[in-house]
């Protein structure tokens, strides 16, 4: 048996652990000869004293073990950490256990914010890793030795695997199945569960700029003005003039209040507008590039590929409205 231990924190999204377990059990059913192909044996552990994990949805999960009852020095194939825990005490107990257990496991995996616990345990030092996009900056700031990857759904660096936000853990789990049992088994699992074996694009395809609004004042007013004026002079100098600031002071204030530079913010506003037009209209890509201030189709393509790992045409094929398909 291939022993998989999933550590689930209290107060998180239970479908992470449940979905991972279902994918692995589906793989077991599709293995050509389970007896000789090391089928997965999944167990769930929690820090909660009565083994009941309370989900953010209000549903509960009964774990197989309390983490404190498990010997960290026993050999395990894979240890998976879902979520980062809601309390410092819970996080500390998981980190301490991981530090002892990691040397005895073939793989250590994090889902979503679980990468923060792996980083606290020192397991990501010098390694490439990713996490939920909301935590990328925090991961990099708190753990400068981690080589943070901002685009992929998941990252493998040796025996350490990390995934982005929430459902990207399913993409990672399919990759584990492929790593263990080959492409054919992983493909059949994905087909049975109606999933992409390799999802196009990355978690970065979701724009963040609407979540970085200034609290009030001229910067907030400027942010409200921008989407309706994508072909105006949106250089730092032009924007600074609109709010009666020097370019240097404007850049400092804007970055402080939004967490992003003016140039990057403008690019994301334009990118978001282009995405909406690709999703909701039949206008050609050249027209969309002009409307959104990118000037031409080539520039629009470059921005899409850099930020989303998709061309505008590929994006439209994936995300256009069903009414237009």
Protein backbone atom coordinates (compact mmCIF):
# COMPACT_ATOMS: atom_id res chain seq x y z
CA UNK A 1 0.00 0.00 0.00
CA UNK A 2 1.05 3.59 -0.64
CA UNK A 3 0.38 5.38 2.65
CA UNK A 4 -0.97 8.91 2.22
CA UNK A 5 -1.51 11.04 5.32
CA UNK A 6 -3.65 14.17 4.93
CA UNK A 7 -3.42 16.74 7.73
CA UNK A 8 -6.58 18.87 7.90
CA UNK A 9 -6.74 22.05 10.03
CA UNK A 10 -9.90 23.12 11.80
CA UNK A 11 -12.06 25.80 10.18
CA UNK A 12 -10.89 25.23 6.62
CA UNK A 13 -12.48 23.98 3.41
CA UNK A 14 -13.13 20.28 3.82
CA UNK A 15 -13.60 19.63 0.12
CA UNK A 16 -9.82 19.89 -0.30
CA UNK A 17 -9.16 16.76 1.73
CA UNK A 18 -12.33 15.00 0.55
CA UNK A 19 -11.58 15.72 -3.10
CA UNK A 20 -7.99 14.53 -2.81
CA UNK A 21 -9.13 11.30 -1.16
CA UNK A 22 -11.74 10.73 -3.89
CA UNK A 23 -9.16 11.23 -6.65
CA UNK A 24 -6.80 8.74 -5.01
CA UNK A 25 -9.58 6.19 -4.48
CA UNK A 26 -10.61 6.59 -8.10
CA UNK A 27 -7.02 5.80 -9.05
CA UNK A 28 -7.18 2.64 -6.94
CA UNK A 29 -10.22 1.46 -8.89
CA UNK A 30 -8.47 2.04 -12.21
CA UNK A 31 -5.13 0.44 -11.41
CA UNK A 32 -4.73 -2.53 -13.77
CA UNK A 33 -3.52 -4.80 -10.97
CA UNK A 34 -4.04 -3.18 -7.59
CA UNK A 35 -2.22 -5.92 -5.73
CA UNK A 36 1.03 -5.22 -7.57
CA UNK A 37 0.63 -1.48 -8.15
CA UNK A 38 0.65 -0.22 -4.55
CA UNK A 39 -2.87 1.18 -4.21
CA UNK A 40 -3.31 4.27 -2.07
CA UNK A 41 -4.24 3.99 1.58
CA UNK A 42 -5.50 7.39 2.75
CA UNK A 43 -5.77 8.45 6.37
CA UNK A 44 -6.74 11.84 7.77
CA UNK A 45 -5.27 13.46 10.86
CA UNK A 46 -6.18 16.60 12.77
CA UNK A 47 -4.94 18.59 15.74
CA UNK A 48 -8.43 18.62 17.23
CA UNK A 49 -8.70 16.62 20.48
CA UNK A 50 -11.88 14.73 19.57
CA UNK A 51 -10.90 14.17 15.91
CA UNK A 52 -13.82 16.29 14.71
CA UNK A 53 -12.74 18.88 12.13
CA UNK A 54 -15.14 21.80 11.78
CA UNK A 55 -15.35 23.10 8.22
CA UNK A 56 -15.91 26.72 7.30
CA UNK A 57 -19.14 25.57 5.57
CA UNK A 58 -20.60 24.28 8.83
CA UNK A 59 -20.05 20.65 7.87
CA UNK A 60 -17.82 18.43 9.99
CA UNK A 61 -15.27 15.72 9.20
CA UNK A 62 -14.31 12.89 11.52
CA UNK A 63 -10.58 12.34 11.15
CA UNK A 64 -8.96 8.93 11.52
CA UNK A 65 -6.32 10.13 14.00
CA UNK A 66 -5.21 12.93 16.22
CA UNK A 67 -1.89 14.15 14.86
CA UNK A 68 -0.31 14.00 18.31
CA UNK A 69 -1.02 10.25 18.44
CA UNK A 70 0.94 9.51 15.26
CA UNK A 71 4.64 8.68 15.47
CA UNK A 72 6.37 11.17 13.13
CA UNK A 73 9.39 8.89 12.70
CA UNK A 74 7.43 6.08 11.02
CA UNK A 75 8.04 5.72 7.26
CA UNK A 76 5.30 7.23 5.09
CA UNK A 77 5.02 7.65 1.36
CA UNK A 78 3.33 11.06 1.26
CA UNK A 79 2.32 13.68 3.81
CA UNK A 80 -0.17 16.30 2.62
CA UNK A 81 -1.07 19.50 4.49
CA UNK A 82 -4.32 21.24 3.50
CA UNK A 83 -4.74 24.82 4.65
CA UNK A 84 -2.54 26.67 7.10
CA UNK A 85 -4.57 26.42 10.31
CA UNK A 86 -6.58 29.16 11.95
CA UNK A 87 -4.71 29.46 15.23
CA UNK A 88 -1.05 29.91 16.09
CA UNK A 89 -1.21 26.94 18.46
CA UNK A 90 -2.62 24.63 15.80
CA UNK A 91 -0.07 25.79 13.24
CA UNK A 92 2.81 25.33 15.66
CA UNK A 93 1.82 21.75 16.46
CA UNK A 94 1.68 20.86 12.76
CA UNK A 95 5.05 22.53 12.09
CA UNK A 96 6.71 20.67 14.95
CA UNK A 97 5.33 17.33 13.77
CA UNK A 98 6.35 18.02 10.15
CA UNK A 99 9.93 18.80 11.12
CA UNK A 100 10.24 15.36 12.66
CA UNK A 101 8.23 13.50 10.00
CA UNK A 102 9.56 14.98 6.75
CA UNK A 103 12.88 13.06 6.74
CA UNK A 104 10.91 9.79 6.88
CA UNK A 105 8.51 10.56 4.01
CA UNK A 106 9.09 10.14 0.29
CA UNK A 107 7.06 13.28 -0.47
CA UNK A 108 5.71 16.24 1.48
CA UNK A 109 2.88 18.17 -0.15
CA UNK A 110 1.00 21.37 0.67
CA UNK A 111 -2.37 22.50 -0.61
CA UNK A 112 -3.20 26.21 -0.74
CA UNK A 113 -2.04 27.99 2.45
CA UNK A 114 -0.45 24.80 3.75
CA UNK A 115 2.76 26.07 2.13
CA UNK A 116 3.06 28.53 5.01
CA UNK A 117 3.39 25.61 7.43
CA UNK A 118 5.99 23.90 5.24
CA UNK A 119 7.91 27.17 5.13
CA UNK A 120 7.74 27.55 8.93
CA UNK A 121 9.11 24.02 9.19
CA UNK A 122 12.07 25.00 7.01
CA UNK A 123 11.08 22.56 4.27
CA UNK A 124 10.90 25.21 1.53
CA UNK A 125 14.26 26.88 2.14
CA UNK A 126 16.11 27.15 -1.16
CA UNK A 127 13.23 25.52 -3.03
CA UNK A 128 10.73 26.67 -5.64
CA UNK A 129 7.20 26.78 -4.21
CA UNK A 130 3.78 28.35 -4.65
CA UNK A 131 0.66 28.96 -2.56
CA UNK A 132 -2.70 30.73 -2.78
CA UNK A 133 -2.22 34.00 -4.67
CA UNK A 134 -3.35 36.02 -1.63
CA UNK A 135 -0.41 34.59 0.33
CA UNK A 136 2.34 34.84 -2.29
CA UNK A 137 3.67 38.19 -1.08
CA UNK A 138 3.45 37.08 2.55
CA UNK A 139 5.30 33.86 1.82
CA UNK A 140 8.08 35.75 0.05
CA UNK A 141 8.35 38.46 2.71
CA UNK A 142 8.39 36.10 5.70
CA UNK A 143 10.56 33.44 4.11
CA UNK A 144 13.10 35.09 1.78
CA UNK A 145 14.92 31.79 1.22
CA UNK A 146 11.86 30.41 -0.61
CA UNK A 147 11.86 30.81 -4.41
CA UNK A 148 8.22 31.80 -4.79
CA UNK A 149 6.53 30.92 -8.10
CA UNK A 150 3.55 33.13 -8.94
CA UNK A 151 2.05 31.48 -12.01
CA UNK A 152 1.79 27.67 -11.80
CA UNK A 153 -1.10 25.70 -10.37
CA UNK A 154 1.46 23.59 -8.55
CA UNK A 155 5.23 23.29 -8.22
CA UNK A 156 7.45 20.27 -7.65
CA UNK A 157 10.95 20.76 -6.28
CA UNK A 158 12.44 17.40 -5.47
CA UNK A 159 10.37 15.63 -2.86
CA UNK A 160 8.43 18.79 -1.98
CA UNK A 161 5.24 19.63 -3.87
CA UNK A 162 3.17 22.80 -3.33
CA UNK A 163 -0.07 23.95 -4.94
CA UNK A 164 -1.88 27.24 -5.40
CA UNK A 165 -5.35 28.11 -4.23
CA UNK A 166 -7.82 25.49 -3.04
CA UNK A 167 -8.92 23.41 -6.07
CA UNK A 168 -5.43 23.48 -7.61
CA UNK A 169 -4.70 20.78 -5.05
CA UNK A 170 -6.73 18.48 -7.29
CA UNK A 171 -4.43 19.28 -10.22
CA UNK A 172 -1.47 18.46 -7.99
CA UNK A 173 -3.06 15.19 -6.87
CA UNK A 174 -3.55 14.09 -10.47
CA UNK A 175 0.12 14.89 -11.04
CA UNK A 176 1.02 12.65 -8.08
CA UNK A 177 -1.04 9.83 -9.59
CA UNK A 178 0.74 10.29 -12.91
CA UNK A 179 4.10 10.34 -11.13
CA UNK A 180 3.24 7.09 -9.32
CA UNK A 181 1.32 5.11 -11.93
CA UNK A 182 1.83 6.75 -15.30
CA UNK A 183 -0.03 8.94 -17.75
CA UNK A 184 -2.71 6.42 -18.68
CA UNK A 185 -4.01 5.93 -15.14
CA UNK A 186 -3.99 9.67 -14.41
CA UNK A 187 -5.76 10.41 -17.70
CA UNK A 188 -8.47 7.84 -16.93
CA UNK A 189 -8.98 9.28 -13.45
CA UNK A 190 -9.37 12.77 -14.92
CA UNK A 191 -11.84 11.53 -17.54
CA UNK A 192 -13.94 9.65 -14.99
CA UNK A 193 -14.11 12.71 -12.74
CA UNK A 194 -14.59 15.13 -15.67
CA UNK A 195 -11.42 17.04 -14.83
CA UNK A 196 -8.55 18.50 -16.83
CA UNK A 197 -5.44 16.36 -16.50
CA UNK A 198 -3.45 19.54 -17.16
CA UNK A 199 -5.59 22.63 -16.79
CA UNK A 200 -4.69 25.41 -19.24
CA UNK A 201 -3.56 28.68 -17.76
CA UNK A 202 -2.67 29.27 -14.13
CA UNK A 203 -4.15 30.69 -10.98
CA UNK A 204 -2.79 34.07 -12.09
CA UNK A 205 -5.61 34.18 -14.68
CA UNK A 206 -7.79 35.73 -11.98
CA UNK A 207 -7.29 39.47 -11.73
CA UNK A 208 -6.46 40.91 -8.34
CA UNK A 209 -6.84 44.62 -8.97
CA UNK A 210 -10.42 44.88 -7.71
CA UNK A 211 -9.23 43.55 -4.36
CA UNK A 212 -6.60 46.26 -4.00
CA UNK A 213 -8.75 49.36 -3.71
CA UNK A 214 -7.48 52.36 -1.80
CA UNK A 215 -9.60 53.17 1.24
CA UNK A 216 -10.55 56.73 0.26
CA UNK A 217 -9.33 60.02 -1.22
CA UNK A 218 -7.81 60.86 -4.62
CA UNK A 219 -6.29 57.42 -5.24
CA UNK A 220 -9.68 55.75 -4.79
CA UNK A 221 -11.25 58.32 -7.13
CA UNK A 222 -8.54 57.66 -9.69
CA UNK A 223 -9.18 53.93 -9.51
CA UNK A 224 -12.86 54.53 -10.24
CA UNK A 225 -11.96 56.73 -13.23
CA UNK A 226 -9.44 54.35 -14.83
CA UNK A 227 -11.73 51.60 -16.29
CA UNK A 228 -13.69 54.18 -18.31
CA UNK A 229 -10.59 55.90 -19.68
CA UNK A 230 -8.29 53.14 -20.88
CA UNK A 231 -7.08 55.15 -23.89
CA UNK A 232 -6.16 58.24 -21.87
CA UNK A 233 -2.60 59.09 -20.83
CA UNK A 234 -2.12 56.49 -18.11
CA UNK A 235 1.59 57.03 -17.64
CA UNK A 236 2.80 57.73 -14.12
CA UNK A 237 3.22 61.38 -15.08
CA UNK A 238 -0.30 61.56 -16.54
CA UNK A 239 -1.90 59.89 -13.53
CA UNK A 240 0.09 61.98 -11.08
CA UNK A 241 -1.11 65.14 -12.82
CA UNK A 242 -4.74 64.09 -12.42
CA UNK A 243 -4.37 63.90 -8.63
CA UNK A 244 -2.07 66.96 -8.38
CA UNK A 245 0.98 65.05 -7.11
CA UNK A 246 4.53 64.80 -8.26
CA UNK A 247 5.25 61.50 -10.08
CA UNK A 248 7.58 60.36 -7.31
CA UNK A 249 5.11 61.08 -4.51
CA UNK A 250 2.23 59.64 -6.51
CA UNK A 251 4.09 56.36 -7.07
CA UNK A 252 4.91 56.11 -3.37
CA UNK A 253 1.35 56.86 -2.20
CA UNK A 254 -0.35 54.66 -4.81
CA UNK A 255 1.88 51.66 -4.06
CA UNK A 256 1.40 52.09 -0.32
CA UNK A 257 -2.40 52.27 -0.56
CA UNK A 258 -2.94 49.50 -3.12
CA UNK A 259 0.06 47.20 -2.69
CA UNK A 260 0.87 47.43 -6.42
CA UNK A 261 2.73 49.91 -8.61
CA UNK A 262 0.73 52.29 -10.83
CA UNK A 263 2.13 50.72 -14.02
CA UNK A 264 1.20 47.20 -12.95
CA UNK A 265 -2.22 48.35 -11.78
CA UNK A 266 -2.95 49.99 -15.13
CA UNK A 267 -1.88 46.81 -16.93
CA UNK A 268 -4.21 44.73 -14.78
CA UNK A 269 -7.14 47.11 -15.35
CA UNK A 270 -6.59 46.92 -19.09
CA UNK A 271 -6.10 43.15 -18.94
CA UNK A 272 -9.33 42.71 -16.98
CA UNK A 273 -11.22 44.82 -19.52
CA UNK A 274 -9.77 42.77 -22.38
CA UNK A 275 -10.76 39.55 -20.63
CA UNK A 276 -14.34 40.74 -20.25
CA UNK A 277 -14.57 41.67 -23.93
CA UNK A 278 -13.13 38.31 -24.97
CA UNK A 279 -15.62 36.54 -22.71
CA UNK A 280 -18.72 38.55 -23.58
CA UNK A 281 -18.36 39.88 -27.15
CA UNK A 282 -17.41 38.70 -30.64
CA UNK A 283 -15.17 41.70 -31.36
CA UNK A 284 -11.90 40.74 -32.98
CA UNK A 285 -8.67 40.81 -31.01
CA UNK A 286 -7.31 43.87 -32.80
CA UNK A 287 -10.40 45.90 -31.89
CA UNK A 288 -10.20 44.75 -28.28
CA UNK A 289 -6.54 45.74 -28.11
CA UNK A 290 -7.39 49.28 -29.27
CA UNK A 291 -10.42 49.66 -26.99
CA UNK A 292 -8.48 48.57 -23.90
CA UNK A 293 -5.47 50.76 -24.55
CA UNK A 294 -2.99 48.06 -25.60
CA UNK A 295 -2.68 49.60 -29.04
CA UNK A 296 -2.38 46.43 -31.11
CA UNK A 297 -2.98 42.72 -31.09
CA UNK A 298 0.69 41.81 -30.68
CA UNK A 299 1.02 43.83 -27.48
CA UNK A 300 -2.22 42.34 -26.15
CA UNK A 301 -0.91 38.84 -26.88
CA UNK A 302 2.34 39.53 -25.05
CA UNK A 303 0.49 40.75 -21.95
CA UNK A 304 -1.84 37.73 -21.97
CA UNK A 305 1.00 35.25 -22.33
CA UNK A 306 3.04 36.93 -19.59
CA UNK A 307 0.20 37.13 -17.09
CA UNK A 308 -2.08 34.22 -17.94
CA UNK A 309 0.10 31.79 -19.89
CA UNK A 310 -2.61 31.86 -22.59
CA UNK A 311 -3.02 33.74 -25.88
CA UNK A 312 -6.13 35.93 -26.25
CA UNK A 313 -7.54 33.38 -28.71
CA UNK A 314 -6.97 30.51 -26.29
CA UNK A 315 -8.52 32.56 -23.48
CA UNK A 316 -11.65 33.22 -25.55
CA UNK A 317 -11.97 29.54 -26.43
CA UNK A 318 -11.78 28.62 -22.75
CA UNK A 319 -13.88 31.33 -21.13
CA UNK A 320 -16.29 32.88 -23.64
CA UNK A 321 -19.96 33.04 -22.74
CA UNK A 322 -21.98 29.98 -23.68
CA UNK A 323 -24.36 32.34 -25.52
CA UNK A 324 -21.48 33.20 -27.90
CA UNK A 325 -20.00 29.74 -28.26
